Protein backbone atom coordinates (compact mmCIF):
# COMPACT_ATOMS: atom_id res chain seq x y z
CA UNK A 1 6.09 16.05 88.58
CA UNK A 2 7.78 14.61 85.49
CA UNK A 3 4.72 14.87 82.93
CA UNK A 4 1.95 17.10 82.52
CA UNK A 5 -1.15 17.51 80.41
CA UNK A 6 -0.95 20.96 78.55
CA UNK A 7 -4.14 22.69 77.19
CA UNK A 8 -4.05 25.46 74.73
CA UNK A 9 -7.15 27.91 74.82
CA UNK A 10 -8.23 27.39 70.94
CA UNK A 11 -7.71 23.33 70.98
CA UNK A 12 -10.19 21.13 72.68
CA UNK A 13 -7.89 18.57 73.75
CA UNK A 14 -4.93 18.29 75.80
CA UNK A 15 -1.35 17.23 75.15
CA UNK A 16 0.73 15.19 77.52
CA UNK A 17 4.20 16.47 77.94
CA UNK A 18 6.87 14.55 79.77
CA UNK A 19 10.11 16.00 80.95
CA UNK A 20 11.83 12.63 80.83
CA UNK A 21 13.00 11.18 77.67
CA UNK A 22 14.38 7.99 78.99
CA UNK A 23 15.33 6.19 82.02
CA UNK A 24 17.69 3.11 82.48
CA UNK A 25 20.23 1.43 84.89
CA UNK A 26 23.69 1.23 83.97
CA UNK A 27 26.14 -0.62 86.17
CA UNK A 28 23.87 -0.42 89.18
CA UNK A 29 23.14 3.30 88.69
CA UNK A 30 19.90 4.76 87.58
CA UNK A 31 20.40 7.07 84.57
CA UNK A 32 17.73 9.62 83.61
CA UNK A 33 17.88 11.50 80.46
CA UNK A 34 15.59 14.67 80.20
CA UNK A 35 14.05 16.17 76.99
CA UNK A 36 15.34 19.55 78.21
CA UNK A 37 18.96 18.22 77.93
CA UNK A 38 18.21 16.36 74.61
CA UNK A 39 16.63 19.19 72.96
CA UNK A 40 19.61 21.74 73.90
CA UNK A 41 21.96 19.12 72.77
CA UNK A 42 20.18 18.86 69.44
CA UNK A 43 20.07 22.64 68.72
CA UNK A 44 23.78 22.67 69.67
CA UNK A 45 24.48 20.10 67.21
CA UNK A 46 22.50 21.63 64.35
CA UNK A 47 24.22 24.97 65.04
CA UNK A 48 27.74 23.33 65.09
CA UNK A 49 26.97 21.54 61.82
CA UNK A 50 25.70 24.60 60.17
CA UNK A 51 28.89 26.73 61.49
CA UNK A 52 31.26 24.06 60.33
CA UNK A 53 29.62 23.94 56.79
CA UNK A 54 29.74 27.74 56.39
CA UNK A 55 33.35 27.91 57.80
CA UNK A 56 34.21 25.25 54.99
CA UNK A 57 32.61 27.19 52.22
CA UNK A 58 34.18 30.45 53.49
CA UNK A 59 37.80 28.58 53.29
CA UNK A 60 38.32 28.91 57.15
CA UNK A 61 40.45 26.62 58.75
CA UNK A 62 38.32 23.72 60.37
CA UNK A 63 41.02 22.74 62.74
CA UNK A 64 41.26 26.27 64.09
CA UNK A 65 37.21 26.46 64.24
CA UNK A 66 37.42 23.09 66.38
CA UNK A 67 39.56 25.05 69.04
CA UNK A 68 37.28 27.98 68.93
CA UNK A 69 34.36 25.61 69.56
CA UNK A 70 35.93 23.70 72.28
CA UNK A 71 37.03 26.75 74.29
CA UNK A 72 34.01 28.83 73.27
CA UNK A 73 31.68 25.94 74.68
CA UNK A 74 33.21 25.55 77.94
CA UNK A 75 33.53 29.46 78.65
CA UNK A 76 29.87 29.89 77.40
CA UNK A 77 28.65 27.29 79.98
CA UNK A 78 30.84 29.16 82.76
CA UNK A 79 29.63 32.58 81.60
CA UNK A 80 25.93 31.64 81.47
CA UNK A 81 26.28 30.23 84.95
CA UNK A 82 28.03 33.17 86.43
CA UNK A 83 25.61 35.67 84.92
CA UNK A 84 22.56 33.82 86.40
CA UNK A 85 24.21 33.44 89.73
CA UNK A 86 25.31 36.95 89.93
CA UNK A 87 21.72 38.37 89.48
CA UNK A 88 20.30 35.60 91.90
CA UNK A 89 23.01 35.87 94.52
CA UNK A 90 20.67 35.61 97.55
CA UNK A 91 19.99 32.24 96.48
CA UNK A 92 23.65 31.28 96.53
CA UNK A 93 25.40 33.55 99.10
CA UNK A 94 24.84 31.05 101.99
CA UNK A 95 25.69 27.91 100.05
CA UNK A 96 28.61 28.94 97.32
CA UNK A 97 28.95 25.40 96.39
CA UNK A 98 25.61 25.33 94.93
CA UNK A 99 26.94 27.48 92.10
CA UNK A 100 28.74 24.40 90.63
CA UNK A 101 25.44 22.40 90.61
CA UNK A 102 24.34 23.30 86.87
CA UNK A 103 22.18 20.21 86.66
CA UNK A 104 19.81 21.97 88.85
CA UNK A 105 19.04 24.72 86.41
CA UNK A 106 20.22 28.30 86.21
CA UNK A 107 21.95 29.10 82.89
CA UNK A 108 21.49 32.62 81.29
CA UNK A 109 21.78 32.87 77.31
CA UNK A 110 23.36 36.30 77.55
CA UNK A 111 26.02 35.18 79.88
CA UNK A 112 26.78 32.30 77.67
CA UNK A 113 26.98 34.52 74.55
CA UNK A 114 29.53 36.92 76.44
CA UNK A 115 31.73 34.07 77.77
CA UNK A 116 31.66 32.25 74.50
CA UNK A 117 32.53 35.43 72.24
CA UNK A 118 35.40 36.50 74.89
CA UNK A 119 36.93 32.96 74.51
CA UNK A 120 36.52 32.81 70.65
CA UNK A 121 38.22 36.36 70.64
CA UNK A 122 41.29 35.00 72.52
CA UNK A 123 41.54 31.94 70.32
CA UNK A 124 41.11 33.76 67.14
CA UNK A 125 43.90 36.25 68.14
CA UNK A 126 46.21 33.08 69.12
CA UNK A 127 45.27 30.95 66.07
CA UNK A 128 45.30 33.75 63.54
CA UNK A 129 41.63 33.29 62.71
CA UNK A 130 39.15 35.84 61.27
CA UNK A 131 37.18 37.05 64.30
CA UNK A 132 34.77 39.12 62.40
CA UNK A 133 33.87 36.11 59.97
CA UNK A 134 33.61 33.85 63.04
CA UNK A 135 31.26 36.32 64.66
CA UNK A 136 28.95 36.03 61.39
CA UNK A 137 28.94 32.49 61.38
CA UNK A 138 28.19 32.44 65.37
CA UNK A 139 25.18 34.90 64.83
CA UNK A 140 23.39 32.53 62.38
CA UNK A 141 24.42 29.33 64.36
CA UNK A 142 23.11 30.95 67.65
CA UNK A 143 19.59 31.36 66.14
CA UNK A 144 19.50 27.75 65.35
CA UNK A 145 20.54 26.72 68.71
CA UNK A 146 18.32 29.13 70.46
CA UNK A 147 15.21 28.22 68.40
CA UNK A 148 15.44 24.79 69.01
CA UNK A 149 16.61 24.90 72.54
CA UNK A 150 13.74 27.01 73.70
CA UNK A 151 11.52 23.91 73.26
CA UNK A 152 13.46 22.49 76.18
CA UNK A 153 11.44 24.90 78.24
CA UNK A 154 8.18 23.62 76.88
CA UNK A 155 9.09 20.15 77.98
CA UNK A 156 9.78 21.38 81.58
CA UNK A 157 6.38 23.77 81.35
CA UNK A 158 8.80 26.80 82.26
CA UNK A 159 9.78 30.14 80.82
CA UNK A 160 6.23 30.98 80.26
CA UNK A 161 4.66 34.60 80.55
CA UNK A 162 1.66 36.22 82.19
CA UNK A 163 -1.97 35.48 81.74
CA UNK A 164 -3.61 35.70 78.66
CA UNK A 165 -6.66 34.89 76.68
CA UNK A 166 -5.29 34.53 73.20
CA UNK A 167 -6.18 31.32 71.27
CA UNK A 168 -2.51 30.00 71.67
CA UNK A 169 -2.70 30.61 75.49
CA UNK A 170 -1.40 27.61 77.52
CA UNK A 171 -2.15 25.98 80.95
CA UNK A 172 -1.00 23.00 82.76
CA UNK A 173 -0.80 21.98 86.26
CA UNK A 174 2.88 22.92 86.43
CA UNK A 175 2.28 26.48 85.25
CA UNK A 176 -0.63 26.60 87.97
CA UNK A 177 1.68 25.32 90.72
CA UNK A 178 4.58 27.64 89.84
CA UNK A 179 2.24 30.63 89.78
CA UNK A 180 0.64 29.60 93.32
CA UNK A 181 4.18 29.27 94.86
CA UNK A 182 5.57 32.60 93.63
CA UNK A 183 2.54 34.73 94.19
CA UNK A 184 4.71 36.78 96.77
CA UNK A 185 7.43 37.38 94.11
CA UNK A 186 4.87 38.36 91.67
CA UNK A 187 3.24 40.81 94.24
CA UNK A 188 6.87 42.42 94.86
CA UNK A 189 7.20 43.24 91.25
CA UNK A 190 3.73 44.56 90.62
CA UNK A 191 2.45 41.36 88.62
CA UNK A 192 -0.75 39.79 88.83
CA UNK A 193 -1.19 36.22 88.00
CA UNK A 194 -4.08 33.86 88.27
CA UNK A 195 -3.13 30.13 88.49
CA UNK A 196 -6.26 29.11 86.80
CA UNK A 197 -5.97 31.22 83.49
CA UNK A 198 -3.77 30.36 80.65
CA UNK A 199 -0.31 32.05 80.18
CA UNK A 200 1.64 33.32 77.20
CA UNK A 201 4.01 30.57 75.88
CA UNK A 202 6.86 33.00 75.69
CA UNK A 203 9.14 29.88 74.77
CA UNK A 204 7.33 29.50 71.50
CA UNK A 205 7.35 33.35 70.91
CA UNK A 206 11.08 33.40 71.18
CA UNK A 207 11.75 30.15 69.33
CA UNK A 208 9.65 31.23 66.17
CA UNK A 209 11.37 34.64 66.52
CA UNK A 210 14.94 32.86 66.26
CA UNK A 211 13.97 30.45 63.50
CA UNK A 212 12.62 33.34 61.36
CA UNK A 213 15.70 35.31 62.18
CA UNK A 214 17.94 32.61 61.02
CA UNK A 215 16.47 32.66 57.54
CA UNK A 216 16.56 36.66 57.43
CA UNK A 217 20.26 36.60 58.50
CA UNK A 218 21.01 33.88 55.97
CA UNK A 219 19.46 35.85 53.15
CA UNK A 220 21.39 39.26 54.36
CA UNK A 221 24.67 37.21 54.28
CA UNK A 222 24.07 35.80 50.77
CA UNK A 223 22.76 39.00 49.42
CA UNK A 224 23.48 41.97 51.31
CA UNK A 225 26.73 41.27 53.29
CA UNK A 226 29.49 43.71 52.42
CA UNK A 227 31.83 43.46 55.33
CA UNK A 228 32.94 40.97 58.02
CA UNK A 229 30.90 41.30 61.07
CA UNK A 230 27.75 42.75 59.38
CA UNK A 231 25.68 39.45 60.05
CA UNK A 232 26.49 39.64 63.80
CA UNK A 233 25.38 43.05 64.13
CA UNK A 234 22.35 42.10 62.50
CA UNK A 235 21.96 39.26 64.85
CA UNK A 236 22.10 41.50 67.86
CA UNK A 237 19.64 43.95 66.48
CA UNK A 238 17.03 40.91 65.62
CA UNK A 239 17.62 38.92 68.66
CA UNK A 240 17.96 41.87 71.00
CA UNK A 241 14.60 43.35 69.75
CA UNK A 242 12.65 39.97 70.06
CA UNK A 243 14.00 39.39 73.52
CA UNK A 244 13.19 42.91 74.76
CA UNK A 245 9.41 42.26 73.83
CA UNK A 246 9.22 38.69 74.93
CA UNK A 247 10.98 39.42 78.18
CA UNK A 248 8.23 41.70 78.97
CA UNK A 249 5.78 38.87 79.17
CA UNK A 250 8.01 36.46 81.21
CA UNK A 251 7.32 35.66 84.87
CA UNK A 252 10.84 34.25 85.68
CA UNK A 253 12.87 37.08 84.61
CA UNK A 254 16.20 38.22 86.41
CA UNK A 255 15.68 41.73 88.02
CA UNK A 256 18.08 44.50 88.84
CA UNK A 257 18.27 44.22 92.60
CA UNK A 258 14.95 44.97 94.31
CA UNK A 259 13.77 47.10 91.51
CA UNK A 260 11.19 46.05 88.68
CA UNK A 261 13.88 46.46 85.85
CA UNK A 262 14.37 43.23 84.08
CA UNK A 263 18.04 42.71 83.31
CA UNK A 264 17.54 40.97 79.95
CA UNK A 265 15.36 43.74 78.72
CA UNK A 266 17.76 46.46 79.72
CA UNK A 267 20.69 44.55 78.11
CA UNK A 268 18.72 43.73 75.07
CA UNK A 269 17.92 47.48 74.49
CA UNK A 270 21.58 48.36 74.67
CA UNK A 271 22.59 45.66 72.22
CA UNK A 272 20.06 46.78 69.88
CA UNK A 273 21.22 50.44 70.05
CA UNK A 274 25.09 49.46 70.06
CA UNK A 275 24.60 47.20 67.07
CA UNK A 276 22.31 49.62 65.02
CA UNK A 277 24.60 52.42 65.37
CA UNK A 278 27.59 50.31 64.61
CA UNK A 279 25.91 48.87 61.51
CA UNK A 280 24.77 52.23 60.22
CA UNK A 281 28.33 53.84 60.74
CA UNK A 282 30.06 51.02 59.17
CA UNK A 283 27.88 50.94 56.15
CA UNK A 284 28.06 54.86 55.44
CA UNK A 285 31.82 54.41 55.81
CA UNK A 286 32.13 51.55 53.11
CA UNK A 287 29.72 53.30 50.68
CA UNK A 288 32.20 56.16 50.91
CA UNK A 289 35.32 54.22 50.63
CA UNK A 290 35.02 50.41 50.33
CA UNK A 291 38.38 49.72 52.04
CA UNK A 292 38.98 47.97 55.37
CA UNK A 293 37.97 49.88 58.30
CA UNK A 294 39.69 49.60 61.69
CA UNK A 295 40.80 46.07 61.46
CA UNK A 296 37.30 45.01 59.88
CA UNK A 297 38.16 42.88 56.67
CA UNK A 298 35.41 43.69 54.06
CA UNK A 299 34.04 40.58 52.54
CA UNK A 300 33.79 41.79 49.10
CA UNK A 301 37.34 42.85 48.93
CA UNK A 302 38.22 39.20 50.40
CA UNK A 303 35.99 37.74 47.61
CA UNK A 304 37.72 39.81 44.82
CA UNK A 305 41.30 38.60 46.22
CA UNK A 306 40.15 35.02 46.32
CA UNK A 307 38.81 35.13 42.72
CA UNK A 308 41.92 36.80 41.53
CA UNK A 309 44.21 34.22 43.16
CA UNK A 310 41.98 31.44 41.58
CA UNK A 311 42.29 33.03 38.18
CA UNK A 312 45.97 33.53 38.33
CA UNK A 313 46.41 29.90 39.68
CA UNK A 314 44.42 28.70 36.69
CA UNK A 315 46.41 30.80 34.27
CA UNK A 316 49.56 29.30 35.57
CA UNK A 317 47.99 25.79 35.20
CA UNK A 318 47.15 26.67 31.53
CA UNK A 319 50.86 27.78 30.94
CA UNK A 320 52.26 24.65 32.56
CA UNK A 321 50.13 22.40 30.39
CA UNK A 322 51.15 24.44 27.40
CA UNK A 323 54.77 24.14 28.01
CA UNK A 324 54.36 20.45 28.90
CA UNK A 325 52.53 19.82 25.42
CA UNK A 326 55.41 21.65 23.82
CA UNK A 327 58.07 19.57 25.21
CA UNK A 328 56.32 16.56 24.15
CA UNK A 329 56.15 17.89 20.71
CA UNK A 330 59.82 18.59 20.66
CA UNK A 331 60.59 15.08 21.84
CA UNK A 332 58.64 13.68 18.90
């Protein structure tokens, strides 16, 4: 089913939503471009443009940033796929080659973040790039990509939640068919689902949460950032909190074995706790002694150094000009 009419509880009319953006023939081969991939690519592009612009403003080497982008993207895809396959191993253990068929779906955002950050860390060490500043840029960029990318789930009518009677409740034949096909899975997890009732548009919840979070982190970075890595810790707290809540509504969660424990909820809670503790500890240490802590370069100190160097350079230029003018007068 490539298209569906989507209805919302508080709106009288339906909206036709197609999963296919374009279809054409190229050199005898049928090519299909899906909205999901196009939306993900658009979100990725905006995230990269924002990250590149911020890196330029922060005087970070764009050449080194491109290396981070290339390796980070590759390993983010690998990490996202492995994360998903590990927790859905029953689907792949009899046919391991299916693991490589990522075009059939099955990528987990947390696996992507882990894989991307691991690759970025190695590249930063090799290329001598400030890893903590990179993390701060990544935190804001991720929220852009995630906020936009979630609309790909809307195009596919997937990643929705349990039944709801709220005005923004969503229903389509795709959601109804999915619910009917997975009744046994829902029963195992103690979830009751009626295919004839609207569901929570959890993709929308997460999208709004991420977009709002981007502007919150942007404000924090401009007004309150006192050390490198602070923005990323705020990202972990913001996104982890939202994901913990939204994941509780979703019907397609990855679970820990045969339990009813959602993997993403547990991981999100852990991320929030770790980031919150780290943020509080580092802020307190900075307030007591505004110096680098355990390899973390404080942003304010870097700013002061940059401003001092700029002033010294300006003074040197003024001296050079003065000497040059003096030489001209002597020659006259």
